[in-house]
């Protein structure tokens, strides 16, 4: 797996040689972290935080790190950086 931010997209080259591109805005808006998507309690109810407007830099990735062998974690210019995107989740976003 190779990741390369190019302009306003994230280019992904998969182990089978396939290449896909995901807009950075899509990545940020589909952030899988609990702060963005909410958390499920023991009864199965999802508790979502109030939706906040995206500020300057919200769609600009300033760095990222690989997480184990299963995904990556971007850091955005507005300071957000708690979402971990698994390779399977990225495949679904790219589809």
PDB file of N, CA and C in Angstrom:
ATOM      1  N   UNK A   1       0.844  -1.181   0.000  1.00  0.00           N
ATOM      2  CA  UNK A   1       0.000   0.000   0.000  1.00  0.00           C
ATOM      3  C   UNK A   1       0.886   1.240   0.000  1.00  0.00           C
ATOM      4  N   UNK A   2       0.620   2.129  -0.919  1.00  0.00           N
ATOM      5  CA  UNK A   2       1.317   3.411  -0.964  1.00  0.00           C
ATOM      6  C   UNK A   2       0.272   4.522  -0.909  1.00  0.00           C
ATOM      7  N   UNK A   3       0.543   5.542  -0.112  1.00  0.00           N
ATOM      8  CA  UNK A   3      -0.326   6.709   0.012  1.00  0.00           C
ATOM      9  C   UNK A   3       0.452   7.940  -0.406  1.00  0.00           C
ATOM     10  N   UNK A   4      -0.193   8.787  -1.194  1.00  0.00           N
ATOM     11  CA  UNK A   4       0.440  10.042  -1.585  1.00  0.00           C
ATOM     12  C   UNK A   4      -0.623  11.131  -1.692  1.00  0.00           C
ATOM     13  N   UNK A   5      -0.569  12.148  -0.818  1.00  0.00           N
ATOM     14  CA  UNK A   5      -1.464  13.286  -1.009  1.00  0.00           C
ATOM     15  C   UNK A   5      -1.024  14.065  -2.244  1.00  0.00           C
ATOM     16  N   UNK A   6      -1.971  14.311  -3.165  1.00  0.00           N
ATOM     17  CA  UNK A   6      -1.695  15.064  -4.386  1.00  0.00           C
ATOM     18  C   UNK A   6      -2.766  16.137  -4.507  1.00  0.00           C
ATOM     19  N   UNK A   7      -2.388  17.375  -4.275  1.00  0.00           N
ATOM     20  CA  UNK A   7      -3.362  18.461  -4.355  1.00  0.00           C
ATOM     21  C   UNK A   7      -4.492  18.242  -3.370  1.00  0.00           C
ATOM     22  N   UNK A   8      -5.704  18.119  -3.878  1.00  0.00           N
ATOM     23  CA  UNK A   8      -6.877  17.964  -3.019  1.00  0.00           C
ATOM     24  C   UNK A   8      -7.355  16.516  -2.941  1.00  0.00           C
ATOM     25  N   UNK A   9      -6.469  15.567  -3.295  1.00  0.00           N
ATOM     26  CA  UNK A   9      -6.839  14.151  -3.258  1.00  0.00           C
ATOM     27  C   UNK A   9      -5.759  13.320  -2.571  1.00  0.00           C
ATOM     28  N   UNK A  10      -6.171  12.135  -2.120  1.00  0.00           N
ATOM     29  CA  UNK A  10      -5.232  11.153  -1.616  1.00  0.00           C
ATOM     30  C   UNK A  10      -5.152  10.045  -2.655  1.00  0.00           C
ATOM     31  N   UNK A  11      -3.956   9.818  -3.192  1.00  0.00           N
ATOM     32  CA  UNK A  11      -3.740   8.744  -4.157  1.00  0.00           C
ATOM     33  C   UNK A  11      -3.343   7.497  -3.390  1.00  0.00           C
ATOM     34  N   UNK A  12      -3.984   6.380  -3.717  1.00  0.00           N
ATOM     35  CA  UNK A  12      -3.686   5.103  -3.073  1.00  0.00           C
ATOM     36  C   UNK A  12      -3.290   4.100  -4.141  1.00  0.00           C
ATOM     37  N   UNK A  13      -2.159   3.448  -3.919  1.00  0.00           N
ATOM     38  CA  UNK A  13      -1.751   2.371  -4.806  1.00  0.00           C
ATOM     39  C   UNK A  13      -1.800   1.093  -3.982  1.00  0.00           C
ATOM     40  N   UNK A  14      -2.721   0.210  -4.354  1.00  0.00           N
ATOM     41  CA  UNK A  14      -2.967  -1.013  -3.627  1.00  0.00           C
ATOM     42  C   UNK A  14      -1.946  -2.078  -3.994  1.00  0.00           C
ATOM     43  N   UNK A  15      -1.857  -3.105  -3.188  1.00  0.00           N
ATOM     44  CA  UNK A  15      -0.867  -4.164  -3.402  1.00  0.00           C
ATOM     45  C   UNK A  15      -1.075  -4.904  -4.725  1.00  0.00           C
ATOM     46  N   UNK A  16      -2.294  -4.866  -5.275  1.00  0.00           N
ATOM     47  CA  UNK A  16      -2.557  -5.519  -6.565  1.00  0.00           C
ATOM     48  C   UNK A  16      -2.233  -4.610  -7.752  1.00  0.00           C
ATOM     49  N   UNK A  17      -1.689  -3.403  -7.475  1.00  0.00           N
ATOM     50  CA  UNK A  17      -1.324  -2.468  -8.527  1.00  0.00           C
ATOM     51  C   UNK A  17      -2.409  -1.471  -8.881  1.00  0.00           C
ATOM     52  N   UNK A  18      -3.625  -1.692  -8.391  1.00  0.00           N
ATOM     53  CA  UNK A  18      -4.738  -0.767  -8.662  1.00  0.00           C
ATOM     54  C   UNK A  18      -4.469   0.575  -7.981  1.00  0.00           C
ATOM     55  N   UNK A  19      -4.878   1.648  -8.649  1.00  0.00           N
ATOM     56  CA  UNK A  19      -4.742   2.990  -8.083  1.00  0.00           C
ATOM     57  C   UNK A  19      -6.115   3.620  -7.954  1.00  0.00           C
ATOM     58  N   UNK A  20      -6.351   4.260  -6.829  1.00  0.00           N
ATOM     59  CA  UNK A  20      -7.595   4.985  -6.621  1.00  0.00           C
ATOM     60  C   UNK A  20      -7.276   6.345  -6.025  1.00  0.00           C
ATOM     61  N   UNK A  21      -8.214   7.255  -6.154  1.00  0.00           N
ATOM     62  CA  UNK A  21      -8.059   8.614  -5.640  1.00  0.00           C
ATOM     63  C   UNK A  21      -9.294   8.969  -4.826  1.00  0.00           C
ATOM     64  N   UNK A  22      -9.071   9.511  -3.638  1.00  0.00           N
ATOM     65  CA  UNK A  22     -10.177   9.923  -2.772  1.00  0.00           C
ATOM     66  C   UNK A  22      -9.993  11.407  -2.468  1.00  0.00           C
ATOM     67  N   UNK A  23     -11.008  12.230  -2.720  1.00  0.00           N
ATOM     68  CA  UNK A  23     -10.886  13.650  -2.364  1.00  0.00           C
ATOM     69  C   UNK A  23     -10.654  13.818  -0.858  1.00  0.00           C
ATOM     70  N   UNK A  24      -9.764  14.722  -0.491  1.00  0.00           N
ATOM     71  CA  UNK A  24      -9.482  14.968   0.922  1.00  0.00           C
ATOM     72  C   UNK A  24     -10.736  15.434   1.654  1.00  0.00           C
ATOM     73  N   UNK A  25     -11.586  16.177   0.983  1.00  0.00           N
ATOM     74  CA  UNK A  25     -12.831  16.622   1.611  1.00  0.00           C
ATOM     75  C   UNK A  25     -13.695  15.424   1.991  1.00  0.00           C
ATOM     76  N   UNK A  26     -13.745  14.411   1.129  1.00  0.00           N
ATOM     77  CA  UNK A  26     -14.503  13.197   1.433  1.00  0.00           C
ATOM     78  C   UNK A  26     -13.906  12.486   2.644  1.00  0.00           C
ATOM     79  N   UNK A  27     -12.563  12.372   2.678  1.00  0.00           N
ATOM     80  CA  UNK A  27     -11.916  11.740   3.828  1.00  0.00           C
ATOM     81  C   UNK A  27     -12.288  12.426   5.127  1.00  0.00           C
ATOM     82  N   UNK A  28     -12.202  13.743   5.129  1.00  0.00           N
ATOM     83  CA  UNK A  28     -12.479  14.478   6.368  1.00  0.00           C
ATOM     84  C   UNK A  28     -13.947  14.367   6.761  1.00  0.00           C
ATOM     85  N   UNK A  29     -14.833  14.496   5.803  1.00  0.00           N
ATOM     86  CA  UNK A  29     -16.264  14.424   6.123  1.00  0.00           C
ATOM     87  C   UNK A  29     -16.701  13.028   6.543  1.00  0.00           C
ATOM     88  N   UNK A  30     -15.931  12.012   6.182  1.00  0.00           N
ATOM     89  CA  UNK A  30     -16.253  10.630   6.559  1.00  0.00           C
ATOM     90  C   UNK A  30     -15.298  10.113   7.632  1.00  0.00           C
ATOM     91  N   UNK A  31     -14.710  11.031   8.403  1.00  0.00           N
ATOM     92  CA  UNK A  31     -13.779  10.656   9.466  1.00  0.00           C
ATOM     93  C   UNK A  31     -14.454   9.647  10.401  1.00  0.00           C
ATOM     94  N   UNK A  32     -13.790   8.510  10.648  1.00  0.00           N
ATOM     95  CA  UNK A  32     -14.411   7.459  11.453  1.00  0.00           C
ATOM     96  C   UNK A  32     -14.269   7.621  12.967  1.00  0.00           C
ATOM     97  N   UNK A  33     -13.678   8.693  13.441  1.00  0.00           N
ATOM     98  CA  UNK A  33     -13.454   8.816  14.889  1.00  0.00           C
ATOM     99  C   UNK A  33     -14.762   9.063  15.645  1.00  0.00           C
ATOM    100  N   UNK A  34     -14.731   8.791  16.924  1.00  0.00           N
ATOM    101  CA  UNK A  34     -15.918   8.945  17.771  1.00  0.00           C
ATOM    102  C   UNK A  34     -16.376  10.402  17.857  1.00  0.00           C
ATOM    103  N   UNK A  35     -15.430  11.336  17.770  1.00  0.00           N
ATOM    104  CA  UNK A  35     -15.808  12.755  17.812  1.00  0.00           C
ATOM    105  C   UNK A  35     -16.647  13.160  16.612  1.00  0.00           C
ATOM    106  N   UNK A  36     -16.404  12.494  15.477  1.00  0.00           N
ATOM    107  CA  UNK A  36     -17.134  12.834  14.251  1.00  0.00           C
ATOM    108  C   UNK A  36     -18.352  11.946  14.027  1.00  0.00           C
ATOM    109  N   UNK A  37     -18.214  10.637  14.264  1.00  0.00           N
ATOM    110  CA  UNK A  37     -19.285   9.690  13.956  1.00  0.00           C
ATOM    111  C   UNK A  37     -20.131   9.307  15.156  1.00  0.00           C
ATOM    112  N   UNK A  38     -19.677   9.631  16.344  1.00  0.00           N
ATOM    113  CA  UNK A  38     -20.420   9.268  17.547  1.00  0.00           C
ATOM    114  C   UNK A  38     -19.913   7.966  18.140  1.00  0.00           C
ATOM    115  N   UNK A  39     -20.486   7.628  19.294  1.00  0.00           N
ATOM    116  CA  UNK A  39     -20.104   6.405  19.991  1.00  0.00           C
ATOM    117  C   UNK A  39     -21.356   5.610  20.307  1.00  0.00           C
ATOM    118  N   UNK A  40     -21.212   4.293  20.349  1.00  0.00           N
ATOM    119  CA  UNK A  40     -22.323   3.412  20.672  1.00  0.00           C
ATOM    120  C   UNK A  40     -22.230   3.027  22.139  1.00  0.00           C
ATOM    121  N   UNK A  41     -23.356   3.164  22.876  1.00  0.00           N
ATOM    122  CA  UNK A  41     -23.346   2.769  24.284  1.00  0.00           C
ATOM    123  C   UNK A  41     -23.647   1.276  24.407  1.00  0.00           C
ATOM    124  N   UNK A  42     -23.696   0.768  25.629  1.00  0.00           N
ATOM    125  CA  UNK A  42     -23.891  -0.665  25.857  1.00  0.00           C
ATOM    126  C   UNK A  42     -25.248  -1.169  25.386  1.00  0.00           C
ATOM    127  N   UNK A  43     -26.200  -0.282  25.213  1.00  0.00           N
ATOM    128  CA  UNK A  43     -27.528  -0.666  24.733  1.00  0.00           C
ATOM    129  C   UNK A  43     -27.653  -0.563  23.220  1.00  0.00           C
ATOM    130  N   UNK A  44     -26.578  -0.116  22.562  1.00  0.00           N
ATOM    131  CA  UNK A  44     -26.576  -0.029  21.108  1.00  0.00           C
ATOM    132  C   UNK A  44     -26.998   1.314  20.539  1.00  0.00           C
ATOM    133  N   UNK A  45     -27.310   2.269  21.404  1.00  0.00           N
ATOM    134  CA  UNK A  45     -27.702   3.602  20.924  1.00  0.00           C
ATOM    135  C   UNK A  45     -26.450   4.390  20.545  1.00  0.00           C
ATOM    136  N   UNK A  46     -26.514   5.066  19.409  1.00  0.00           N
ATOM    137  CA  UNK A  46     -25.392   5.877  18.957  1.00  0.00           C
ATOM    138  C   UNK A  46     -25.586   7.304  19.448  1.00  0.00           C
ATOM    139  N   UNK A  47     -24.586   7.820  20.115  1.00  0.00           N
ATOM    140  CA  UNK A  47     -24.606   9.188  20.620  1.00  0.00           C
ATOM    141  C   UNK A  47     -23.654  10.016  19.764  1.00  0.00           C
ATOM    142  N   UNK A  48     -24.225  10.952  19.029  1.00  0.00           N
ATOM    143  CA  UNK A  48     -23.425  11.795  18.133  1.00  0.00           C
ATOM    144  C   UNK A  48     -23.267  13.187  18.744  1.00  0.00           C
ATOM    145  N   UNK A  49     -22.067  13.729  18.617  1.00  0.00           N
ATOM    146  CA  UNK A  49     -21.860  15.100  19.092  1.00  0.00           C
ATOM    147  C   UNK A  49     -22.555  16.071  18.141  1.00  0.00           C
ATOM    148  N   UNK A  50     -22.818  17.292  18.601  1.00  0.00           N
ATOM    149  CA  UNK A  50     -23.399  18.289  17.687  1.00  0.00           C
ATOM    150  C   UNK A  50     -22.467  18.508  16.500  1.00  0.00           C
ATOM    151  N   UNK A  51     -23.034  18.617  15.316  1.00  0.00           N
ATOM    152  CA  UNK A  51     -22.220  18.827  14.126  1.00  0.00           C
ATOM    153  C   UNK A  51     -21.650  20.241  14.136  1.00  0.00           C
ATOM    154  N   UNK A  52     -20.347  20.327  13.891  1.00  0.00           N
ATOM    155  CA  UNK A  52     -19.664  21.616  13.867  1.00  0.00           C
ATOM    156  C   UNK A  52     -19.342  21.970  12.421  1.00  0.00           C
ATOM    157  N   UNK A  53     -19.365  23.258  12.101  1.00  0.00           N
ATOM    158  CA  UNK A  53     -18.967  23.647  10.746  1.00  0.00           C
ATOM    159  C   UNK A  53     -17.465  23.420  10.559  1.00  0.00           C
ATOM    160  N   UNK A  54     -17.089  23.097   9.338  1.00  0.00           N
ATOM    161  CA  UNK A  54     -15.672  22.909   9.034  1.00  0.00           C
ATOM    162  C   UNK A  54     -15.023  24.276   8.863  1.00  0.00           C
ATOM    163  N   UNK A  55     -13.896  24.467   9.529  1.00  0.00           N
ATOM    164  CA  UNK A  55     -13.197  25.735   9.468  1.00  0.00           C
ATOM    165  C   UNK A  55     -12.064  25.719   8.459  1.00  0.00           C
ATOM    166  N   UNK A  56     -11.291  26.793   8.435  1.00  0.00           N
ATOM    167  CA  UNK A  56     -10.144  26.868   7.524  1.00  0.00           C
ATOM    168  C   UNK A  56      -9.178  25.714   7.795  1.00  0.00           C
ATOM    169  N   UNK A  57      -8.712  25.105   6.766  1.00  0.00           N
ATOM    170  CA  UNK A  57      -7.763  24.016   6.893  1.00  0.00           C
ATOM    171  C   UNK A  57      -8.378  22.657   7.155  1.00  0.00           C
ATOM    172  N   UNK A  58      -9.696  22.586   7.236  1.00  0.00           N
ATOM    173  CA  UNK A  58     -10.360  21.323   7.561  1.00  0.00           C
ATOM    174  C   UNK A  58     -10.111  20.245   6.515  1.00  0.00           C
ATOM    175  N   UNK A  59      -9.886  20.631   5.277  1.00  0.00           N
ATOM    176  CA  UNK A  59      -9.711  19.656   4.197  1.00  0.00           C
ATOM    177  C   UNK A  59      -8.278  19.617   3.680  1.00  0.00           C
ATOM    178  N   UNK A  60      -7.343  20.166   4.462  1.00  0.00           N
ATOM    179  CA  UNK A  60      -5.932  20.164   4.083  1.00  0.00           C
ATOM    180  C   UNK A  60      -5.179  19.202   5.001  1.00  0.00           C
ATOM    181  N   UNK A  61      -4.679  18.106   4.441  1.00  0.00           N
ATOM    182  CA  UNK A  61      -3.911  17.138   5.223  1.00  0.00           C
ATOM    183  C   UNK A  61      -2.479  17.645   5.343  1.00  0.00           C
ATOM    184  N   UNK A  62      -1.999  17.791   6.575  1.00  0.00           N
ATOM    185  CA  UNK A  62      -0.648  18.309   6.779  1.00  0.00           C
ATOM    186  C   UNK A  62       0.361  17.201   7.059  1.00  0.00           C
ATOM    187  N   UNK A  63      -0.100  16.057   7.530  1.00  0.00           N
ATOM    188  CA  UNK A  63       0.768  14.903   7.724  1.00  0.00           C
ATOM    189  C   UNK A  63      -0.094  13.684   7.966  1.00  0.00           C
ATOM    190  N   UNK A  64       0.530  12.516   7.947  1.00  0.00           N
ATOM    191  CA  UNK A  64      -0.185  11.293   8.283  1.00  0.00           C
ATOM    192  C   UNK A  64       0.813  10.273   8.800  1.00  0.00           C
ATOM    193  N   UNK A  65       0.287   9.273   9.474  1.00  0.00           N
ATOM    194  CA  UNK A  65       1.136   8.179   9.935  1.00  0.00           C
ATOM    195  C   UNK A  65       0.421   6.862   9.675  1.00  0.00           C
ATOM    196  N   UNK A  66       1.197   5.823   9.430  1.00  0.00           N
ATOM    197  CA  UNK A  66       0.639   4.492   9.258  1.00  0.00           C
ATOM    198  C   UNK A  66       0.354   3.920  10.638  1.00  0.00           C
ATOM    199  N   UNK A  67      -0.731   3.167  10.739  1.00  0.00           N
ATOM    200  CA  UNK A  67      -1.127   2.574  12.011  1.00  0.00           C
ATOM    201  C   UNK A  67      -1.089   1.058  11.844  1.00  0.00           C
ATOM    202  N   UNK A  68      -0.117   0.435  12.484  1.00  0.00           N
ATOM    203  CA  UNK A  68       0.031  -1.015  12.359  1.00  0.00           C
ATOM    204  C   UNK A  68       0.087  -1.413  10.897  1.00  0.00           C
ATOM    205  N   UNK A  69      -0.504  -2.533  10.585  1.00  0.00           N
ATOM    206  CA  UNK A  69      -0.575  -2.979   9.208  1.00  0.00           C
ATOM    207  C   UNK A  69      -1.958  -2.830   8.630  1.00  0.00           C
ATOM    208  N   UNK A  70      -2.812  -2.040   9.307  1.00  0.00           N
ATOM    209  CA  UNK A  70      -4.210  -2.004   8.894  1.00  0.00           C
ATOM    210  C   UNK A  70      -4.757  -0.658   8.463  1.00  0.00           C
ATOM    211  N   UNK A  71      -4.005   0.428   8.581  1.00  0.00           N
ATOM    212  CA  UNK A  71      -4.581   1.703   8.180  1.00  0.00           C
ATOM    213  C   UNK A  71      -3.642   2.880   8.354  1.00  0.00           C
ATOM    214  N   UNK A  72      -4.239   4.054   8.275  1.00  0.00           N
ATOM    215  CA  UNK A  72      -3.461   5.284   8.441  1.00  0.00           C
ATOM    216  C   UNK A  72      -4.273   6.321   9.190  1.00  0.00           C
ATOM    217  N   UNK A  73      -3.557   7.302   9.763  1.00  0.00           N
ATOM    218  CA  UNK A  73      -4.176   8.354  10.562  1.00  0.00           C
ATOM    219  C   UNK A  73      -3.689   9.704  10.051  1.00  0.00           C
ATOM    220  N   UNK A  74      -4.590  10.472   9.409  1.00  0.00           N
ATOM    221  CA  UNK A  74      -4.184  11.794   8.921  1.00  0.00           C
ATOM    222  C   UNK A  74      -4.291  12.863  10.012  1.00  0.00           C
ATOM    223  N   UNK A  75      -3.519  13.902   9.855  1.00  0.00           N
ATOM    224  CA  UNK A  75      -3.649  15.099  10.690  1.00  0.00           C
ATOM    225  C   UNK A  75      -4.006  16.228   9.743  1.00  0.00           C
ATOM    226  N   UNK A  76      -5.045  16.972  10.113  1.00  0.00           N
ATOM    227  CA  UNK A  76      -5.573  18.046   9.265  1.00  0.00           C
ATOM    228  C   UNK A  76      -5.062  19.390   9.753  1.00  0.00           C
ATOM    229  N   UNK A  77      -5.046  20.363   8.869  1.00  0.00           N
ATOM    230  CA  UNK A  77      -4.496  21.691   9.176  1.00  0.00           C
ATOM    231  C   UNK A  77      -5.255  22.404  10.296  1.00  0.00           C
ATOM    232  N   UNK A  78      -6.502  22.015  10.547  1.00  0.00           N
ATOM    233  CA  UNK A  78      -7.252  22.643  11.641  1.00  0.00           C
ATOM    234  C   UNK A  78      -7.008  21.950  12.987  1.00  0.00           C
ATOM    235  N   UNK A  79      -6.092  20.972  13.015  1.00  0.00           N
ATOM    236  CA  UNK A  79      -5.725  20.313  14.265  1.00  0.00           C
ATOM    237  C   UNK A  79      -6.382  18.969  14.505  1.00  0.00           C
ATOM    238  N   UNK A  80      -7.413  18.631  13.751  1.00  0.00           N
ATOM    239  CA  UNK A  80      -8.093  17.346  13.948  1.00  0.00           C
ATOM    240  C   UNK A  80      -7.179  16.209  13.501  1.00  0.00           C
ATOM    241  N   UNK A  81      -7.155  15.121  14.268  1.00  0.00           N
ATOM    242  CA  UNK A  81      -6.285  14.026  13.884  1.00  0.00           C
ATOM    243  C   UNK A  81      -6.547  12.742  14.640  1.00  0.00           C
ATOM    244  N   UNK A  82      -7.785  12.488  15.054  1.00  0.00           N
ATOM    245  CA  UNK A  82      -8.065  11.289  15.845  1.00  0.00           C
ATOM    246  C   UNK A  82      -8.636  10.138  15.025  1.00  0.00           C
ATOM    247  N   UNK A  83      -8.954  10.361  13.769  1.00  0.00           N
ATOM    248  CA  UNK A  83      -9.538   9.303  12.945  1.00  0.00           C
ATOM    249  C   UNK A  83      -8.498   8.330  12.417  1.00  0.00           C
ATOM    250  N   UNK A  84      -8.761   7.043  12.549  1.00  0.00           N
ATOM    251  CA  UNK A  84      -7.911   6.008  11.970  1.00  0.00           C
ATOM    252  C   UNK A  84      -8.717   5.330  10.872  1.00  0.00           C
ATOM    253  N   UNK A  85      -8.217   5.406   9.655  1.00  0.00           N
ATOM    254  CA  UNK A  85      -8.896   4.869   8.479  1.00  0.00           C
ATOM    255  C   UNK A  85      -8.286   3.517   8.131  1.00  0.00           C
ATOM    256  N   UNK A  86      -9.050   2.445   8.259  1.00  0.00           N
ATOM    257  CA  UNK A  86      -8.537   1.123   7.900  1.00  0.00           C
ATOM    258  C   UNK A  86      -8.466   1.019   6.378  1.00  0.00           C
ATOM    259  N   UNK A  87      -7.669   0.070   5.898  1.00  0.00           N
ATOM    260  CA  UNK A  87      -7.571  -0.132   4.444  1.00  0.00           C
ATOM    261  C   UNK A  87      -8.938  -0.531   3.887  1.00  0.00           C
ATOM    262  N   UNK A  88      -9.692  -1.355   4.626  1.00  0.00           N
ATOM    263  CA  UNK A  88     -11.025  -1.750   4.155  1.00  0.00           C
ATOM    264  C   UNK A  88     -11.946  -0.535   4.042  1.00  0.00           C
ATOM    265  N   UNK A  89     -11.878   0.351   5.016  1.00  0.00           N
ATOM    266  CA  UNK A  89     -12.720   1.559   4.992  1.00  0.00           C
ATOM    267  C   UNK A  89     -12.329   2.437   3.801  1.00  0.00           C
ATOM    268  N   UNK A  90     -11.027   2.577   3.540  1.00  0.00           N
ATOM    269  CA  UNK A  90     -10.576   3.371   2.395  1.00  0.00           C
ATOM    270  C   UNK A  90     -11.056   2.760   1.087  1.00  0.00           C
ATOM    271  N   UNK A  91     -11.057   1.430   0.985  1.00  0.00           N
ATOM    272  CA  UNK A  91     -11.584   0.760  -0.214  1.00  0.00           C
ATOM    273  C   UNK A  91     -13.041   1.124  -0.428  1.00  0.00           C
ATOM    274  N   UNK A  92     -13.817   1.118   0.654  1.00  0.00           N
ATOM    275  CA  UNK A  92     -15.245   1.469   0.539  1.00  0.00           C
ATOM    276  C   UNK A  92     -15.425   2.930   0.131  1.00  0.00           C
ATOM    277  N   UNK A  93     -14.613   3.820   0.685  1.00  0.00           N
ATOM    278  CA  UNK A  93     -14.706   5.230   0.324  1.00  0.00           C
ATOM    279  C   UNK A  93     -14.337   5.467  -1.132  1.00  0.00           C
ATOM    280  N   UNK A  94     -13.388   4.686  -1.628  1.00  0.00           N
ATOM    281  CA  UNK A  94     -12.925   4.847  -3.009  1.00  0.00           C
ATOM    282  C   UNK A  94     -13.916   4.296  -4.023  1.00  0.00           C
ATOM    283  N   UNK A  95     -14.799   3.410  -3.589  1.00  0.00           N
ATOM    284  CA  UNK A  95     -15.745   2.765  -4.516  1.00  0.00           C
ATOM    285  C   UNK A  95     -16.817   3.722  -4.998  1.00  0.00           C
TER     286      UNK A  95
END
